[in-house]
Amino acid sequence: MNLRLYLDTADITAWETWLPVGIFYGVTSNPLLLERAQVTCTVDSLTKLATKAFVLGAKEVQLQTWGDTQQSLIATGHALAKIDPRVVVKVPITQMGTTAAATLIADGIRVTMTAVYEVPQILVAAALGAEYAAPYLGRINDAGRNGREALTHMQQALNGVNSSMRILTASIREVEDIAYLAAQGLNTFTFSPGIAAAFFTSEQTAAATAAFAASALAMGAADSFVK
């Protein structure tokens, strides 16, 4: 599958609403999202969380490692990866995080480099052999920069070095940003339930659907299920 969409929340209620829709490849999370959903940041808690996501149909779950030393990032990353082969471990793209990620990748663990803000950081993640790199579109805009332009340049940099690493666009605040970036060649996005709902808020689609239903009833559709 070339296009991958993820639900960016640790709220199981939101998963139960949106994963059955069938458009999501998986879910993403981080300690901030765990706090919002009141989910404890422990390996046992995240094991239960990931298991629930897989039961609901997620093909992949991205969980972020934590710790204030390189060794703690590695140890927690190993523990998260052991939950399931479909778990991808997110690691911040600091120097310490990158060094920890290098060990995780060498150990066969799937990694996403996260908290990406600068175009050159994409090349760091690609050189490392990460499977994904996650730039924060909305927060780049908050810093007074053009987030769309920055992410387009990130994709161009990957194209220039013939890297297959996916840019996992995060911090999306407008559904139109997804359509724009998709046209620039980006194919992997994670977003909130609110953005998911925005895909289905076309007034014209609602009006057309209502007209279809009315015509179906007028032509006997209500009787077609009566045997």
C-alpha atoms as a PDB file:
ATOM      1  CA  MET A   1       0.000   0.000   0.000  1.00  0.00           C
ATOM      2  CA  ASN A   2       1.566   3.293  -1.086  1.00  0.00           C
ATOM      3  CA  LEU A   3      -0.713   5.618   0.909  1.00  0.00           C
ATOM      4  CA  ARG A   4      -0.708   5.123   4.682  1.00  0.00           C
ATOM      5  CA  LEU A   5      -2.982   7.003   7.059  1.00  0.00           C
ATOM      6  CA  TYR A   6      -2.677   6.775  10.842  1.00  0.00           C
ATOM      7  CA  LEU A   7      -4.913   7.883  13.692  1.00  0.00           C
ATOM      8  CA  ASP A   8      -2.859  10.066  16.023  1.00  0.00           C
ATOM      9  CA  THR A   9      -4.363   9.417  19.435  1.00  0.00           C
ATOM     10  CA  ALA A  10      -4.179   7.048  22.396  1.00  0.00           C
ATOM     11  CA  ASP A  11      -7.926   7.352  22.998  1.00  0.00           C
ATOM     12  CA  ILE A  12      -9.414   3.872  22.567  1.00  0.00           C
ATOM     13  CA  THR A  13     -12.911   5.320  22.121  1.00  0.00           C
ATOM     14  CA  ALA A  14     -11.640   7.214  19.066  1.00  0.00           C
ATOM     15  CA  TRP A  15     -10.060   4.018  17.751  1.00  0.00           C
ATOM     16  CA  GLU A  16     -13.366   2.189  18.137  1.00  0.00           C
ATOM     17  CA  THR A  17     -15.048   4.902  16.070  1.00  0.00           C
ATOM     18  CA  TRP A  18     -12.477   5.338  13.317  1.00  0.00           C
ATOM     19  CA  LEU A  19     -10.524   2.127  12.760  1.00  0.00           C
ATOM     20  CA  PRO A  20     -13.618   0.239  11.486  1.00  0.00           C
ATOM     21  CA  VAL A  21     -13.994   2.870   8.730  1.00  0.00           C
ATOM     22  CA  GLY A  22     -11.179   1.013   7.000  1.00  0.00           C
ATOM     23  CA  ILE A  23      -8.941   3.861   5.823  1.00  0.00           C
ATOM     24  CA  PHE A  24      -6.333   3.726   8.587  1.00  0.00           C
ATOM     25  CA  TYR A  25      -3.152   1.683   8.357  1.00  0.00           C
ATOM     26  CA  GLY A  26      -2.561   2.038  12.071  1.00  0.00           C
ATOM     27  CA  VAL A  27      -2.256   4.347  15.052  1.00  0.00           C
ATOM     28  CA  THR A  28       0.494   6.571  16.411  1.00  0.00           C
ATOM     29  CA  SER A  29       1.116   7.799  19.918  1.00  0.00           C
ATOM     30  CA  ASN A  30       3.605   9.610  22.141  1.00  0.00           C
ATOM     31  CA  PRO A  31       3.773  10.565  25.839  1.00  0.00           C
ATOM     32  CA  LEU A  32       1.798  13.788  25.256  1.00  0.00           C
ATOM     33  CA  LEU A  33      -1.050  11.825  23.654  1.00  0.00           C
ATOM     34  CA  LEU A  34      -0.909   9.258  26.450  1.00  0.00           C
ATOM     35  CA  GLU A  35      -1.324  12.076  28.969  1.00  0.00           C
ATOM     36  CA  ARG A  36      -4.332  13.491  27.102  1.00  0.00           C
ATOM     37  CA  ALA A  37      -5.965  10.054  27.045  1.00  0.00           C
ATOM     38  CA  GLN A  38      -5.017   9.387  30.686  1.00  0.00           C
ATOM     39  CA  VAL A  39      -3.007   6.282  29.728  1.00  0.00           C
ATOM     40  CA  THR A  40      -0.049   5.505  31.981  1.00  0.00           C
ATOM     41  CA  CYS A  41       3.356   5.562  30.308  1.00  0.00           C
ATOM     42  CA  THR A  42       4.484   2.042  31.189  1.00  0.00           C
ATOM     43  CA  VAL A  43       5.378  -0.941  29.046  1.00  0.00           C
ATOM     44  CA  ASP A  44       2.532  -2.977  30.575  1.00  0.00           C
ATOM     45  CA  SER A  45       0.003  -0.238  29.803  1.00  0.00           C
ATOM     46  CA  LEU A  46       1.268   0.196  26.233  1.00  0.00           C
ATOM     47  CA  THR A  47       1.166  -3.559  25.708  1.00  0.00           C
ATOM     48  CA  LYS A  48      -2.549  -3.525  26.511  1.00  0.00           C
ATOM     49  CA  LEU A  49      -3.030  -0.443  24.331  1.00  0.00           C
ATOM     50  CA  ALA A  50      -1.272  -1.966  21.317  1.00  0.00           C
ATOM     51  CA  THR A  51      -3.126  -5.243  21.720  1.00  0.00           C
ATOM     52  CA  LYS A  52      -6.432  -3.364  21.607  1.00  0.00           C
ATOM     53  CA  ALA A  53      -5.378  -1.504  18.469  1.00  0.00           C
ATOM     54  CA  PHE A  54      -4.513  -4.748  16.688  1.00  0.00           C
ATOM     55  CA  VAL A  55      -7.837  -6.301  17.704  1.00  0.00           C
ATOM     56  CA  LEU A  56      -9.564  -3.291  16.145  1.00  0.00           C
ATOM     57  CA  GLY A  57      -7.726  -3.880  12.867  1.00  0.00           C
ATOM     58  CA  ALA A  58      -4.587  -1.729  13.040  1.00  0.00           C
ATOM     59  CA  LYS A  59      -1.784  -3.117  10.896  1.00  0.00           C
ATOM     60  CA  GLU A  60       0.836  -1.092  12.762  1.00  0.00           C
ATOM     61  CA  VAL A  61       1.187   0.737  16.079  1.00  0.00           C
ATOM     62  CA  GLN A  62       3.839   3.375  16.680  1.00  0.00           C
ATOM     63  CA  LEU A  63       4.899   3.845  20.323  1.00  0.00           C
ATOM     64  CA  GLN A  64       7.536   6.269  21.583  1.00  0.00           C
ATOM     65  CA  THR A  65      10.414   5.205  23.779  1.00  0.00           C
ATOM     66  CA  TRP A  66      11.432   7.326  26.752  1.00  0.00           C
ATOM     67  CA  GLY A  67      14.320   7.908  29.133  1.00  0.00           C
ATOM     68  CA  ASP A  68      16.953  10.509  29.990  1.00  0.00           C
ATOM     69  CA  THR A  69      19.943   8.420  28.945  1.00  0.00           C
ATOM     70  CA  GLN A  70      20.932   6.605  25.788  1.00  0.00           C
ATOM     71  CA  GLN A  71      20.742   3.259  27.538  1.00  0.00           C
ATOM     72  CA  SER A  72      17.263   3.903  28.907  1.00  0.00           C
ATOM     73  CA  LEU A  73      16.022   4.863  25.436  1.00  0.00           C
ATOM     74  CA  ILE A  74      17.460   1.618  24.097  1.00  0.00           C
ATOM     75  CA  ALA A  75      16.122  -0.554  26.910  1.00  0.00           C
ATOM     76  CA  THR A  76      12.613   0.870  26.683  1.00  0.00           C
ATOM     77  CA  GLY A  77      12.726   0.653  22.896  1.00  0.00           C
ATOM     78  CA  HIS A  78      13.575  -3.040  23.135  1.00  0.00           C
ATOM     79  CA  ALA A  79      10.721  -3.601  25.588  1.00  0.00           C
ATOM     80  CA  LEU A  80       8.223  -1.862  23.296  1.00  0.00           C
ATOM     81  CA  ALA A  81       9.426  -3.759  20.229  1.00  0.00           C
ATOM     82  CA  LYS A  82       8.901  -7.060  22.037  1.00  0.00           C
ATOM     83  CA  ILE A  83       5.169  -6.336  22.306  1.00  0.00           C
ATOM     84  CA  ASP A  84       4.576  -7.289  18.675  1.00  0.00           C
ATOM     85  CA  PRO A  85       6.482  -7.243  15.350  1.00  0.00           C
ATOM     86  CA  ARG A  86       3.967  -4.686  14.127  1.00  0.00           C
ATOM     87  CA  VAL A  87       5.137  -2.127  16.703  1.00  0.00           C
ATOM     88  CA  VAL A  88       7.396   0.655  15.421  1.00  0.00           C
ATOM     89  CA  VAL A  89       9.475   2.454  18.049  1.00  0.00           C
ATOM     90  CA  LYS A  90       9.552   6.243  17.852  1.00  0.00           C
ATOM     91  CA  VAL A  91      12.768   7.982  18.927  1.00  0.00           C
ATOM     92  CA  PRO A  92      13.403  11.758  19.105  1.00  0.00           C
ATOM     93  CA  ILE A  93      15.958  12.938  16.543  1.00  0.00           C
ATOM     94  CA  THR A  94      18.425  14.398  19.048  1.00  0.00           C
ATOM     95  CA  GLN A  95      22.064  13.296  19.013  1.00  0.00           C
ATOM     96  CA  MET A  96      21.399  10.972  21.942  1.00  0.00           C
ATOM     97  CA  GLY A  97      18.183   9.705  20.388  1.00  0.00           C
ATOM     98  CA  THR A  98      19.870   9.102  17.047  1.00  0.00           C
ATOM     99  CA  THR A  99      22.662   7.147  18.705  1.00  0.00           C
ATOM    100  CA  ALA A 100      20.092   5.052  20.585  1.00  0.00           C
ATOM    101  CA  ALA A 101      18.121   4.522  17.383  1.00  0.00           C
ATOM    102  CA  ALA A 102      21.258   3.277  15.623  1.00  0.00           C
ATOM    103  CA  THR A 103      21.543   0.519  18.208  1.00  0.00           C
ATOM    104  CA  LEU A 104      17.851  -0.344  17.955  1.00  0.00           C
ATOM    105  CA  ILE A 105      18.018  -0.549  14.161  1.00  0.00           C
ATOM    106  CA  ALA A 106      21.173  -2.689  14.338  1.00  0.00           C
ATOM    107  CA  ASP A 107      19.216  -5.004  16.626  1.00  0.00           C
ATOM    108  CA  GLY A 108      16.491  -5.393  13.993  1.00  0.00           C
ATOM    109  CA  ILE A 109      13.951  -3.037  15.561  1.00  0.00           C
ATOM    110  CA  ARG A 110      11.753  -0.884  13.374  1.00  0.00           C
ATOM    111  CA  VAL A 111      12.240   2.831  14.107  1.00  0.00           C
ATOM    112  CA  THR A 112      10.582   6.175  13.416  1.00  0.00           C
ATOM    113  CA  MET A 113      12.673   9.269  14.082  1.00  0.00           C
ATOM    114  CA  THR A 114      10.314  11.859  15.539  1.00  0.00           C
ATOM    115  CA  ALA A 115      10.223  15.582  16.439  1.00  0.00           C
ATOM    116  CA  VAL A 116      11.683  16.491  13.041  1.00  0.00           C
ATOM    117  CA  TYR A 117      11.691  20.216  12.257  1.00  0.00           C
ATOM    118  CA  GLU A 118      14.568  20.818   9.844  1.00  0.00           C
ATOM    119  CA  VAL A 119      15.143  19.579   6.297  1.00  0.00           C
ATOM    120  CA  PRO A 120      18.661  18.243   7.029  1.00  0.00           C
ATOM    121  CA  GLN A 121      17.226  16.060   9.824  1.00  0.00           C
ATOM    122  CA  ILE A 122      15.466  14.000   7.156  1.00  0.00           C
ATOM    123  CA  LEU A 123      18.873  13.037   5.781  1.00  0.00           C
ATOM    124  CA  VAL A 124      20.010  12.033   9.270  1.00  0.00           C
ATOM    125  CA  ALA A 125      17.033   9.677   9.586  1.00  0.00           C
ATOM    126  CA  ALA A 126      17.586   8.282   6.088  1.00  0.00           C
ATOM    127  CA  ALA A 127      21.308   7.702   6.670  1.00  0.00           C
ATOM    128  CA  LEU A 128      20.460   5.930   9.905  1.00  0.00           C
ATOM    129  CA  GLY A 129      18.156   3.498   8.122  1.00  0.00           C
ATOM    130  CA  ALA A 130      14.973   4.537   9.913  1.00  0.00           C
ATOM    131  CA  GLU A 131      11.720   3.301   8.420  1.00  0.00           C
ATOM    132  CA  TYR A 132       9.956   6.626   9.005  1.00  0.00           C
ATOM    133  CA  ALA A 133      10.738  10.214   9.985  1.00  0.00           C
ATOM    134  CA  ALA A 134       7.991  12.336  11.530  1.00  0.00           C
ATOM    135  CA  PRO A 135       8.085  16.116  10.967  1.00  0.00           C
ATOM    136  CA  TYR A 136       5.612  18.333  12.834  1.00  0.00           C
ATOM    137  CA  LEU A 137       3.839  20.358  10.170  1.00  0.00           C
ATOM    138  CA  GLY A 138       1.710  22.524  12.445  1.00  0.00           C
ATOM    139  CA  ARG A 139       4.537  23.301  14.825  1.00  0.00           C
ATOM    140  CA  ILE A 140       6.808  24.286  11.946  1.00  0.00           C
ATOM    141  CA  ASN A 141       4.117  26.790  10.960  1.00  0.00           C
ATOM    142  CA  ASP A 142       3.923  27.975  14.582  1.00  0.00           C
ATOM    143  CA  ALA A 143       7.622  28.803  14.395  1.00  0.00           C
ATOM    144  CA  GLY A 144       6.882  31.280  11.597  1.00  0.00           C
ATOM    145  CA  ARG A 145       8.012  29.038   8.752  1.00  0.00           C
ATOM    146  CA  ASN A 146       6.120  27.588   5.806  1.00  0.00           C
ATOM    147  CA  GLY A 147       5.415  24.026   6.877  1.00  0.00           C
ATOM    148  CA  ARG A 148       4.151  22.877   3.497  1.00  0.00           C
ATOM    149  CA  GLU A 149       7.275  24.177   1.819  1.00  0.00           C
ATOM    150  CA  ALA A 150       9.557  22.588   4.433  1.00  0.00           C
ATOM    151  CA  LEU A 151       7.947  19.163   4.059  1.00  0.00           C
ATOM    152  CA  THR A 152       8.041  19.391   0.274  1.00  0.00           C
ATOM    153  CA  HIS A 153      11.783  20.084   0.505  1.00  0.00           C
ATOM    154  CA  MET A 154      12.169  17.107   2.846  1.00  0.00           C
ATOM    155  CA  GLN A 155      10.548  14.827   0.274  1.00  0.00           C
ATOM    156  CA  GLN A 156      12.690  16.310  -2.482  1.00  0.00           C
ATOM    157  CA  ALA A 157      15.793  15.587  -0.405  1.00  0.00           C
ATOM    158  CA  LEU A 158      14.761  11.950  -0.017  1.00  0.00           C
ATOM    159  CA  ASN A 159      14.054  11.709  -3.735  1.00  0.00           C
ATOM    160  CA  GLY A 160      17.464  13.195  -4.430  1.00  0.00           C
ATOM    161  CA  VAL A 161      19.269  10.440  -2.534  1.00  0.00           C
ATOM    162  CA  ASN A 162      16.864   7.731  -3.727  1.00  0.00           C
ATOM    163  CA  SER A 163      15.713   6.924  -0.191  1.00  0.00           C
ATOM    164  CA  SER A 164      12.596   4.817   0.380  1.00  0.00           C
ATOM    165  CA  MET A 165      12.108   6.098   3.931  1.00  0.00           C
ATOM    166  CA  ARG A 166       8.608   7.423   4.519  1.00  0.00           C
ATOM    167  CA  ILE A 167       7.948  10.948   5.797  1.00  0.00           C
ATOM    168  CA  LEU A 168       5.248  10.472   8.438  1.00  0.00           C
ATOM    169  CA  THR A 169       3.637  13.904   8.476  1.00  0.00           C
ATOM    170  CA  ALA A 170       2.357  14.773  11.963  1.00  0.00           C
ATOM    171  CA  SER A 171       0.838  17.810  13.685  1.00  0.00           C
ATOM    172  CA  ILE A 172      -1.716  18.229  10.895  1.00  0.00           C
ATOM    173  CA  ARG A 173      -4.351  20.873  11.594  1.00  0.00           C
ATOM    174  CA  GLU A 174      -6.083  21.229   8.228  1.00  0.00           C
ATOM    175  CA  VAL A 175      -7.315  18.400   6.030  1.00  0.00           C
ATOM    176  CA  GLU A 176      -6.303  20.454   3.001  1.00  0.00           C
ATOM    177  CA  ASP A 177      -2.657  20.096   4.055  1.00  0.00           C
ATOM    178  CA  ILE A 178      -2.885  16.355   3.429  1.00  0.00           C
ATOM    179  CA  ALA A 179      -4.214  16.831  -0.095  1.00  0.00           C
ATOM    180  CA  TYR A 180      -1.546  19.446  -0.858  1.00  0.00           C
ATOM    181  CA  LEU A 181       1.351  17.358   0.431  1.00  0.00           C
ATOM    182  CA  ALA A 182       0.069  14.229  -1.289  1.00  0.00           C
ATOM    183  CA  ALA A 183       0.303  16.135  -4.561  1.00  0.00           C
ATOM    184  CA  GLN A 184       3.976  16.815  -3.719  1.00  0.00           C
ATOM    185  CA  GLY A 185       4.701  13.113  -3.346  1.00  0.00           C
ATOM    186  CA  LEU A 186       4.256  12.578   0.403  1.00  0.00           C
ATOM    187  CA  ASN A 187       2.239   9.463   1.182  1.00  0.00           C
ATOM    188  CA  THR A 188       2.176   8.902   4.949  1.00  0.00           C
ATOM    189  CA  PHE A 189       0.113  10.989   7.372  1.00  0.00           C
ATOM    190  CA  THR A 190      -1.003  10.794  10.990  1.00  0.00           C
ATOM    191  CA  PHE A 191      -3.799  12.974  12.288  1.00  0.00           C
ATOM    192  CA  SER A 192      -6.403  13.454  14.983  1.00  0.00           C
ATOM    193  CA  PRO A 193     -10.004  12.203  14.987  1.00  0.00           C
ATOM    194  CA  GLY A 194     -11.056  15.793  14.251  1.00  0.00           C
ATOM    195  CA  ILE A 195      -9.108  15.807  10.993  1.00  0.00           C
ATOM    196  CA  ALA A 196     -10.524  12.360  10.186  1.00  0.00           C
ATOM    197  CA  ALA A 197     -14.038  13.780  10.537  1.00  0.00           C
ATOM    198  CA  ALA A 198     -13.163  16.634   8.172  1.00  0.00           C
ATOM    199  CA  PHE A 199     -12.809  14.122   5.333  1.00  0.00           C
ATOM    200  CA  PHE A 200     -16.539  13.467   5.618  1.00  0.00           C
ATOM    201  CA  THR A 201     -18.009  16.956   6.024  1.00  0.00           C
ATOM    202  CA  SER A 202     -18.876  17.816   2.422  1.00  0.00           C
ATOM    203  CA  GLU A 203     -22.304  19.463   2.284  1.00  0.00           C
ATOM    204  CA  GLN A 204     -22.630  18.556  -1.385  1.00  0.00           C
ATOM    205  CA  THR A 205     -21.953  14.883  -0.678  1.00  0.00           C
ATOM    206  CA  ALA A 206     -24.551  14.944   2.104  1.00  0.00           C
ATOM    207  CA  ALA A 207     -27.112  16.545  -0.222  1.00  0.00           C
ATOM    208  CA  ALA A 208     -26.416  14.047  -3.003  1.00  0.00           C
ATOM    209  CA  THR A 209     -26.719  11.131  -0.580  1.00  0.00           C
ATOM    210  CA  ALA A 210     -30.044  12.419   0.698  1.00  0.00           C
ATOM    211  CA  ALA A 211     -31.298  12.717  -2.883  1.00  0.00           C
ATOM    212  CA  PHE A 212     -30.219   9.145  -3.629  1.00  0.00           C
ATOM    213  CA  ALA A 213     -32.071   7.899  -0.551  1.00  0.00           C
ATOM    214  CA  ALA A 214     -35.237   9.793  -1.450  1.00  0.00           C
ATOM    215  CA  SER A 215     -35.233   8.412  -4.999  1.00  0.00           C
ATOM    216  CA  ALA A 216     -34.608   4.892  -3.729  1.00  0.00           C
ATOM    217  CA  LEU A 217     -37.611   5.131  -1.410  1.00  0.00           C
ATOM    218  CA  ALA A 218     -39.754   6.592  -4.190  1.00  0.00           C
ATOM    219  CA  MET A 219     -38.881   3.614  -6.371  1.00  0.00           C
ATOM    220  CA  GLY A 220     -39.782   0.986  -3.822  1.00  0.00           C
ATOM    221  CA  ALA A 221     -36.455   0.426  -2.084  1.00  0.00           C
ATOM    222  CA  ALA A 222     -38.198   0.156   1.293  1.00  0.00           C
ATOM    223  CA  ASP A 223     -40.059  -2.938   0.054  1.00  0.00           C
ATOM    224  CA  SER A 224     -37.014  -4.662  -1.425  1.00  0.00           C
ATOM    225  CA  PHE A 225     -36.018  -6.206   1.907  1.00  0.00           C
ATOM    226  CA  VAL A 226     -39.472  -7.614   2.660  1.00  0.00           C
ATOM    227  CA  LYS A 227     -39.802 -11.289   1.712  1.00  0.00           C
END
